[in-house]
Amino acid sequence: PKKKSDIDYVIVINNLLSQIEKNIYSDKDKDGIPCYKEVELGLNPNIPDKREEKVIAKEENKQQEIPNKVAETKENKPSQQNQEENPLNQPVRVHFYFNRADIKKEYLPYLNIVAKYMKTHQNVKIKIVGYTDNIGSKSYNQKLALKRAQAVKNYLVKLGVNPSRIVIEGVGKSDYIVSNSKELDRFTNRRAEFYIIKLSE
């Protein structure tokens, strides 16, 4: 079979990134507010907000609501609403181009949400683990994986998250999500993942 050119790979990856960007900036409930903004405001992105005033008031009163939300997180069984507001309740992954550790702009809105959540929930500590695909030596990929985790940490710290609350690790060529049989799969495996490691009182 004919080997794919670098241009073919770029087209495949760009199509994937376009889909990621579409999901981040989409407006599923058609209320004029992007989904990532509704998550940031503590609103349900699947239910339209009928009045613009409600959204504005929600954003203006965000800081006043924080003490109540922190108190609610101390309960043994937090409400479903609080669970939905925590962006770390779902798997968080940042994917990378081949042999790169810079963060694509498509992921920045979601990382902004993670940073904002961590700044308003000081009891949360996370671990960021970097991974690579199967191309290259084990030692090189170990360093590259750590650089990817470090890049994500640096961005969160730049947004005001205390660096002592973020642990990083690079595992390199291991723990693949999918096989490395094609470029799209290798792109999927080139990632940094988030894990909550501490939730104290």
C-alpha atoms as a PDB file:
ATOM      1  CA  PRO A   1       0.000   0.000   0.000  1.00  0.00           C
ATOM      2  CA  LYS A   2       1.086   3.568  -0.706  1.00  0.00           C
ATOM      3  CA  LYS A   3       2.629   5.311   2.282  1.00  0.00           C
ATOM      4  CA  LYS A   4       0.842   8.442   3.429  1.00  0.00           C
ATOM      5  CA  SER A   5       2.748  11.675   2.963  1.00  0.00           C
ATOM      6  CA  ASP A   6       3.361  14.244   5.678  1.00  0.00           C
ATOM      7  CA  ILE A   7       0.688  16.401   4.054  1.00  0.00           C
ATOM      8  CA  ASP A   8      -1.864  13.609   4.483  1.00  0.00           C
ATOM      9  CA  TYR A   9      -0.984  13.372   8.168  1.00  0.00           C
ATOM     10  CA  VAL A  10      -1.349  17.124   8.616  1.00  0.00           C
ATOM     11  CA  ILE A  11      -4.784  17.029   6.989  1.00  0.00           C
ATOM     12  CA  VAL A  12      -5.934  14.226   9.302  1.00  0.00           C
ATOM     13  CA  ILE A  13      -4.653  16.001  12.408  1.00  0.00           C
ATOM     14  CA  ASN A  14      -6.114  19.356  11.379  1.00  0.00           C
ATOM     15  CA  ASN A  15      -9.496  17.704  10.861  1.00  0.00           C
ATOM     16  CA  LEU A  16      -9.283  16.201  14.341  1.00  0.00           C
ATOM     17  CA  LEU A  17      -8.337  19.540  15.905  1.00  0.00           C
ATOM     18  CA  SER A  18     -11.186  21.236  14.058  1.00  0.00           C
ATOM     19  CA  GLN A  19     -13.604  18.769  15.649  1.00  0.00           C
ATOM     20  CA  ILE A  20     -12.090  19.428  19.087  1.00  0.00           C
ATOM     21  CA  GLU A  21     -12.422  23.179  18.567  1.00  0.00           C
ATOM     22  CA  LYS A  22     -16.022  22.727  17.434  1.00  0.00           C
ATOM     23  CA  ASN A  23     -16.872  20.819  20.610  1.00  0.00           C
ATOM     24  CA  ILE A  24     -15.238  23.426  22.846  1.00  0.00           C
ATOM     25  CA  TYR A  25     -16.861  26.455  21.226  1.00  0.00           C
ATOM     26  CA  SER A  26     -20.206  24.849  20.358  1.00  0.00           C
ATOM     27  CA  ASP A  27     -23.554  26.051  21.688  1.00  0.00           C
ATOM     28  CA  LYS A  28     -25.510  22.817  22.167  1.00  0.00           C
ATOM     29  CA  ASP A  29     -28.601  24.416  23.684  1.00  0.00           C
ATOM     30  CA  LYS A  30     -28.677  27.277  21.128  1.00  0.00           C
ATOM     31  CA  ASP A  31     -29.001  30.012  23.754  1.00  0.00           C
ATOM     32  CA  GLY A  32     -26.207  32.159  22.353  1.00  0.00           C
ATOM     33  CA  ILE A  33     -23.695  31.202  25.071  1.00  0.00           C
ATOM     34  CA  PRO A  34     -20.788  28.831  24.229  1.00  0.00           C
ATOM     35  CA  CYS A  35     -20.766  25.578  26.188  1.00  0.00           C
ATOM     36  CA  TYR A  36     -17.379  26.265  27.805  1.00  0.00           C
ATOM     37  CA  LYS A  37     -18.665  29.640  29.075  1.00  0.00           C
ATOM     38  CA  GLU A  38     -21.769  28.044  30.582  1.00  0.00           C
ATOM     39  CA  VAL A  39     -19.603  25.458  32.394  1.00  0.00           C
ATOM     40  CA  GLU A  40     -17.403  28.298  33.663  1.00  0.00           C
ATOM     41  CA  LEU A  41     -20.506  30.108  34.988  1.00  0.00           C
ATOM     42  CA  GLY A  42     -21.855  26.970  36.648  1.00  0.00           C
ATOM     43  CA  LEU A  43     -24.739  26.624  34.168  1.00  0.00           C
ATOM     44  CA  ASN A  44     -25.928  23.492  32.383  1.00  0.00           C
ATOM     45  CA  PRO A  45     -24.716  23.690  28.733  1.00  0.00           C
ATOM     46  CA  ASN A  46     -27.516  21.363  27.633  1.00  0.00           C
ATOM     47  CA  ILE A  47     -30.357  23.564  28.920  1.00  0.00           C
ATOM     48  CA  PRO A  48     -30.965  26.962  27.262  1.00  0.00           C
ATOM     49  CA  ASP A  49     -30.937  30.012  29.525  1.00  0.00           C
ATOM     50  CA  LYS A  50     -34.023  31.949  28.488  1.00  0.00           C
ATOM     51  CA  ARG A  51     -32.992  35.350  29.793  1.00  0.00           C
ATOM     52  CA  GLU A  52     -29.673  37.086  29.189  1.00  0.00           C
ATOM     53  CA  GLU A  53     -30.100  38.881  32.524  1.00  0.00           C
ATOM     54  CA  LYS A  54     -29.859  35.524  34.304  1.00  0.00           C
ATOM     55  CA  VAL A  55     -26.462  34.826  32.761  1.00  0.00           C
ATOM     56  CA  ILE A  56     -25.140  38.305  33.545  1.00  0.00           C
ATOM     57  CA  ALA A  57     -26.328  38.074  37.145  1.00  0.00           C
ATOM     58  CA  LYS A  58     -24.774  34.612  37.467  1.00  0.00           C
ATOM     59  CA  GLU A  59     -21.384  35.935  36.361  1.00  0.00           C
ATOM     60  CA  GLU A  60     -21.553  39.058  38.567  1.00  0.00           C
ATOM     61  CA  ASN A  61     -22.512  37.044  41.662  1.00  0.00           C
ATOM     62  CA  LYS A  62     -19.948  34.294  41.095  1.00  0.00           C
ATOM     63  CA  GLN A  63     -17.579  35.474  43.827  1.00  0.00           C
ATOM     64  CA  GLN A  64     -20.406  35.827  46.371  1.00  0.00           C
ATOM     65  CA  GLU A  65     -21.467  32.230  45.720  1.00  0.00           C
ATOM     66  CA  ILE A  66     -18.011  30.723  46.278  1.00  0.00           C
ATOM     67  CA  PRO A  67     -18.242  30.403  50.123  1.00  0.00           C
ATOM     68  CA  ASN A  68     -21.497  28.446  49.812  1.00  0.00           C
ATOM     69  CA  LYS A  69     -20.049  26.175  47.139  1.00  0.00           C
ATOM     70  CA  VAL A  70     -16.943  25.437  49.211  1.00  0.00           C
ATOM     71  CA  ALA A  71     -19.168  24.532  52.166  1.00  0.00           C
ATOM     72  CA  GLU A  72     -21.217  22.208  49.972  1.00  0.00           C
ATOM     73  CA  THR A  73     -18.106  20.313  48.826  1.00  0.00           C
ATOM     74  CA  LYS A  74     -17.457  19.267  52.449  1.00  0.00           C
ATOM     75  CA  GLU A  75     -20.623  17.170  52.526  1.00  0.00           C
ATOM     76  CA  ASN A  76     -20.223  13.442  52.040  1.00  0.00           C
ATOM     77  CA  LYS A  77     -22.575  13.397  49.057  1.00  0.00           C
ATOM     78  CA  PRO A  78     -22.230  16.557  46.953  1.00  0.00           C
ATOM     79  CA  SER A  79     -25.166  17.507  44.775  1.00  0.00           C
ATOM     80  CA  GLN A  80     -25.298  16.588  41.107  1.00  0.00           C
ATOM     81  CA  GLN A  81     -25.045  20.274  40.228  1.00  0.00           C
ATOM     82  CA  ASN A  82     -21.727  20.609  42.079  1.00  0.00           C
ATOM     83  CA  GLN A  83     -20.407  17.503  40.341  1.00  0.00           C
ATOM     84  CA  GLU A  84     -21.255  18.977  36.961  1.00  0.00           C
ATOM     85  CA  GLU A  85     -19.466  22.227  37.829  1.00  0.00           C
ATOM     86  CA  ASN A  86     -16.185  20.418  38.523  1.00  0.00           C
ATOM     87  CA  PRO A  87     -14.294  20.150  35.206  1.00  0.00           C
ATOM     88  CA  LEU A  88     -12.022  17.508  36.752  1.00  0.00           C
ATOM     89  CA  ASN A  89     -14.922  15.094  37.242  1.00  0.00           C
ATOM     90  CA  GLN A  90     -14.502  14.134  33.593  1.00  0.00           C
ATOM     91  CA  PRO A  91     -11.304  12.828  31.969  1.00  0.00           C
ATOM     92  CA  VAL A  92      -9.108  15.787  31.001  1.00  0.00           C
ATOM     93  CA  ARG A  93      -6.631  15.261  28.182  1.00  0.00           C
ATOM     94  CA  VAL A  94      -4.478  17.601  26.132  1.00  0.00           C
ATOM     95  CA  HIS A  95      -3.120  16.120  22.900  1.00  0.00           C
ATOM     96  CA  PHE A  96       0.058  17.125  21.083  1.00  0.00           C
ATOM     97  CA  TYR A  97       1.566  17.155  17.617  1.00  0.00           C
ATOM     98  CA  PHE A  98       4.440  14.787  16.848  1.00  0.00           C
ATOM     99  CA  ASN A  99       7.633  15.628  18.756  1.00  0.00           C
ATOM    100  CA  ARG A 100       6.029  18.767  20.250  1.00  0.00           C
ATOM    101  CA  ALA A 101       5.210  19.923  23.767  1.00  0.00           C
ATOM    102  CA  ASP A 102       3.454  23.232  23.044  1.00  0.00           C
ATOM    103  CA  ILE A 103      -0.256  23.458  23.887  1.00  0.00           C
ATOM    104  CA  LYS A 104      -2.637  23.947  20.978  1.00  0.00           C
ATOM    105  CA  LYS A 105      -4.952  26.950  21.319  1.00  0.00           C
ATOM    106  CA  GLU A 106      -7.991  24.687  20.980  1.00  0.00           C
ATOM    107  CA  TYR A 107      -7.359  23.405  24.520  1.00  0.00           C
ATOM    108  CA  LEU A 108      -6.858  26.775  26.217  1.00  0.00           C
ATOM    109  CA  PRO A 109     -10.545  27.535  26.996  1.00  0.00           C
ATOM    110  CA  TYR A 110     -10.888  24.280  28.912  1.00  0.00           C
ATOM    111  CA  LEU A 111      -7.590  24.768  30.740  1.00  0.00           C
ATOM    112  CA  ASN A 112      -8.855  28.231  31.703  1.00  0.00           C
ATOM    113  CA  ILE A 113     -11.877  26.559  33.309  1.00  0.00           C
ATOM    114  CA  VAL A 114      -9.649  24.094  35.179  1.00  0.00           C
ATOM    115  CA  ALA A 115      -7.463  26.934  36.470  1.00  0.00           C
ATOM    116  CA  LYS A 116     -10.467  28.953  37.611  1.00  0.00           C
ATOM    117  CA  TYR A 117     -11.910  25.939  39.407  1.00  0.00           C
ATOM    118  CA  MET A 118      -8.631  25.228  41.198  1.00  0.00           C
ATOM    119  CA  LYS A 119      -8.265  28.845  42.304  1.00  0.00           C
ATOM    120  CA  THR A 120     -11.719  28.795  43.884  1.00  0.00           C
ATOM    121  CA  HIS A 121     -11.269  25.309  45.386  1.00  0.00           C
ATOM    122  CA  GLN A 122      -7.979  25.493  47.270  1.00  0.00           C
ATOM    123  CA  ASN A 123      -8.375  21.946  48.637  1.00  0.00           C
ATOM    124  CA  VAL A 124      -7.821  20.396  45.205  1.00  0.00           C
ATOM    125  CA  LYS A 125      -4.409  19.095  44.156  1.00  0.00           C
ATOM    126  CA  ILE A 126      -3.804  17.447  40.801  1.00  0.00           C
ATOM    127  CA  LYS A 127      -1.277  15.280  39.019  1.00  0.00           C
ATOM    128  CA  ILE A 128      -0.500  15.783  35.332  1.00  0.00           C
ATOM    129  CA  VAL A 129       1.013  12.813  33.501  1.00  0.00           C
ATOM    130  CA  GLY A 130       2.612  13.158  30.074  1.00  0.00           C
ATOM    131  CA  TYR A 131       2.626  10.413  27.432  1.00  0.00           C
ATOM    132  CA  THR A 132       4.050   9.839  23.942  1.00  0.00           C
ATOM    133  CA  ASP A 133       3.452   7.529  21.019  1.00  0.00           C
ATOM    134  CA  ASN A 134       5.726   4.592  20.131  1.00  0.00           C
ATOM    135  CA  ILE A 135       8.088   6.467  17.797  1.00  0.00           C
ATOM    136  CA  GLY A 136      11.600   7.185  19.072  1.00  0.00           C
ATOM    137  CA  SER A 137      13.765   5.887  21.880  1.00  0.00           C
ATOM    138  CA  LYS A 138      12.512   5.228  25.387  1.00  0.00           C
ATOM    139  CA  SER A 139      14.827   7.813  26.968  1.00  0.00           C
ATOM    140  CA  TYR A 140      13.917  10.550  24.484  1.00  0.00           C
ATOM    141  CA  ASN A 141      10.195   9.948  24.884  1.00  0.00           C
ATOM    142  CA  GLN A 142      10.542   9.964  28.664  1.00  0.00           C
ATOM    143  CA  LYS A 143      11.912  13.512  28.487  1.00  0.00           C
ATOM    144  CA  LEU A 144       9.315  14.578  25.916  1.00  0.00           C
ATOM    145  CA  ALA A 145       6.473  13.220  28.042  1.00  0.00           C
ATOM    146  CA  LEU A 146       7.720  15.213  31.037  1.00  0.00           C
ATOM    147  CA  LYS A 147       7.953  18.365  28.898  1.00  0.00           C
ATOM    148  CA  ARG A 148       4.300  17.940  27.917  1.00  0.00           C
ATOM    149  CA  ALA A 149       3.188  17.632  31.520  1.00  0.00           C
ATOM    150  CA  GLN A 150       5.375  20.620  32.431  1.00  0.00           C
ATOM    151  CA  ALA A 151       3.872  22.733  29.637  1.00  0.00           C
ATOM    152  CA  VAL A 152       0.364  22.199  30.984  1.00  0.00           C
ATOM    153  CA  LYS A 153       1.495  22.934  34.541  1.00  0.00           C
ATOM    154  CA  ASN A 154       3.238  26.125  33.412  1.00  0.00           C
ATOM    155  CA  TYR A 155       0.053  27.348  31.755  1.00  0.00           C
ATOM    156  CA  LEU A 156      -2.062  26.719  34.864  1.00  0.00           C
ATOM    157  CA  VAL A 157       0.548  28.424  37.066  1.00  0.00           C
ATOM    158  CA  LYS A 158       0.573  31.387  34.679  1.00  0.00           C
ATOM    159  CA  LEU A 159      -3.169  31.704  35.315  1.00  0.00           C
ATOM    160  CA  GLY A 160      -2.608  31.881  39.071  1.00  0.00           C
ATOM    161  CA  VAL A 161      -2.664  28.275  40.315  1.00  0.00           C
ATOM    162  CA  ASN A 162      -0.111  27.624  43.069  1.00  0.00           C
ATOM    163  CA  PRO A 163       2.598  25.343  41.591  1.00  0.00           C
ATOM    164  CA  SER A 164       2.769  23.361  44.845  1.00  0.00           C
ATOM    165  CA  ARG A 165      -0.723  22.037  44.048  1.00  0.00           C
ATOM    166  CA  ILE A 166       0.379  20.454  40.770  1.00  0.00           C
ATOM    167  CA  VAL A 167       2.537  17.324  40.543  1.00  0.00           C
ATOM    168  CA  ILE A 168       3.888  16.254  37.150  1.00  0.00           C
ATOM    169  CA  GLU A 169       5.220  12.991  35.754  1.00  0.00           C
ATOM    170  CA  GLY A 170       6.367  11.763  32.363  1.00  0.00           C
ATOM    171  CA  VAL A 171       5.874   8.093  31.567  1.00  0.00           C
ATOM    172  CA  GLY A 172       6.813   8.153  27.894  1.00  0.00           C
ATOM    173  CA  LYS A 173       6.138   5.064  25.812  1.00  0.00           C
ATOM    174  CA  SER A 174       3.508   3.279  27.893  1.00  0.00           C
ATOM    175  CA  ASP A 175      -0.181   3.182  28.811  1.00  0.00           C
ATOM    176  CA  TYR A 176      -1.454   3.748  25.289  1.00  0.00           C
ATOM    177  CA  ILE A 177      -5.135   4.570  24.858  1.00  0.00           C
ATOM    178  CA  VAL A 178      -5.241   2.972  21.408  1.00  0.00           C
ATOM    179  CA  SER A 179      -2.816   1.124  19.156  1.00  0.00           C
ATOM    180  CA  ASN A 180      -0.128   3.070  17.300  1.00  0.00           C
ATOM    181  CA  SER A 181      -0.973   1.546  13.933  1.00  0.00           C
ATOM    182  CA  LYS A 182      -1.864   4.868  12.260  1.00  0.00           C
ATOM    183  CA  GLU A 183      -1.169   8.561  12.714  1.00  0.00           C
ATOM    184  CA  LEU A 184      -4.575   9.390  14.156  1.00  0.00           C
ATOM    185  CA  ASP A 185      -4.032   6.767  16.873  1.00  0.00           C
ATOM    186  CA  ARG A 186      -0.549   8.071  17.617  1.00  0.00           C
ATOM    187  CA  PHE A 187      -1.977  11.577  17.951  1.00  0.00           C
ATOM    188  CA  THR A 188      -4.488  10.203  20.470  1.00  0.00           C
ATOM    189  CA  ASN A 189      -1.680   8.659  22.522  1.00  0.00           C
ATOM    190  CA  ARG A 190       0.418  11.857  22.549  1.00  0.00           C
ATOM    191  CA  ARG A 191      -1.231  13.499  25.533  1.00  0.00           C
ATOM    192  CA  ALA A 192      -1.165  14.875  29.053  1.00  0.00           C
ATOM    193  CA  GLU A 193      -3.819  13.673  31.512  1.00  0.00           C
ATOM    194  CA  PHE A 194      -5.107  15.143  34.781  1.00  0.00           C
ATOM    195  CA  TYR A 195      -5.810  13.260  38.007  1.00  0.00           C
ATOM    196  CA  ILE A 196      -7.083  14.573  41.346  1.00  0.00           C
ATOM    197  CA  ILE A 197      -4.600  13.372  43.975  1.00  0.00           C
ATOM    198  CA  LYS A 198      -5.838  15.233  47.047  1.00  0.00           C
ATOM    199  CA  LEU A 199      -9.139  16.684  48.197  1.00  0.00           C
ATOM    200  CA  SER A 200      -8.650  17.953  51.747  1.00  0.00           C
ATOM    201  CA  GLU A 201     -10.962  19.813  54.106  1.00  0.00           C
END
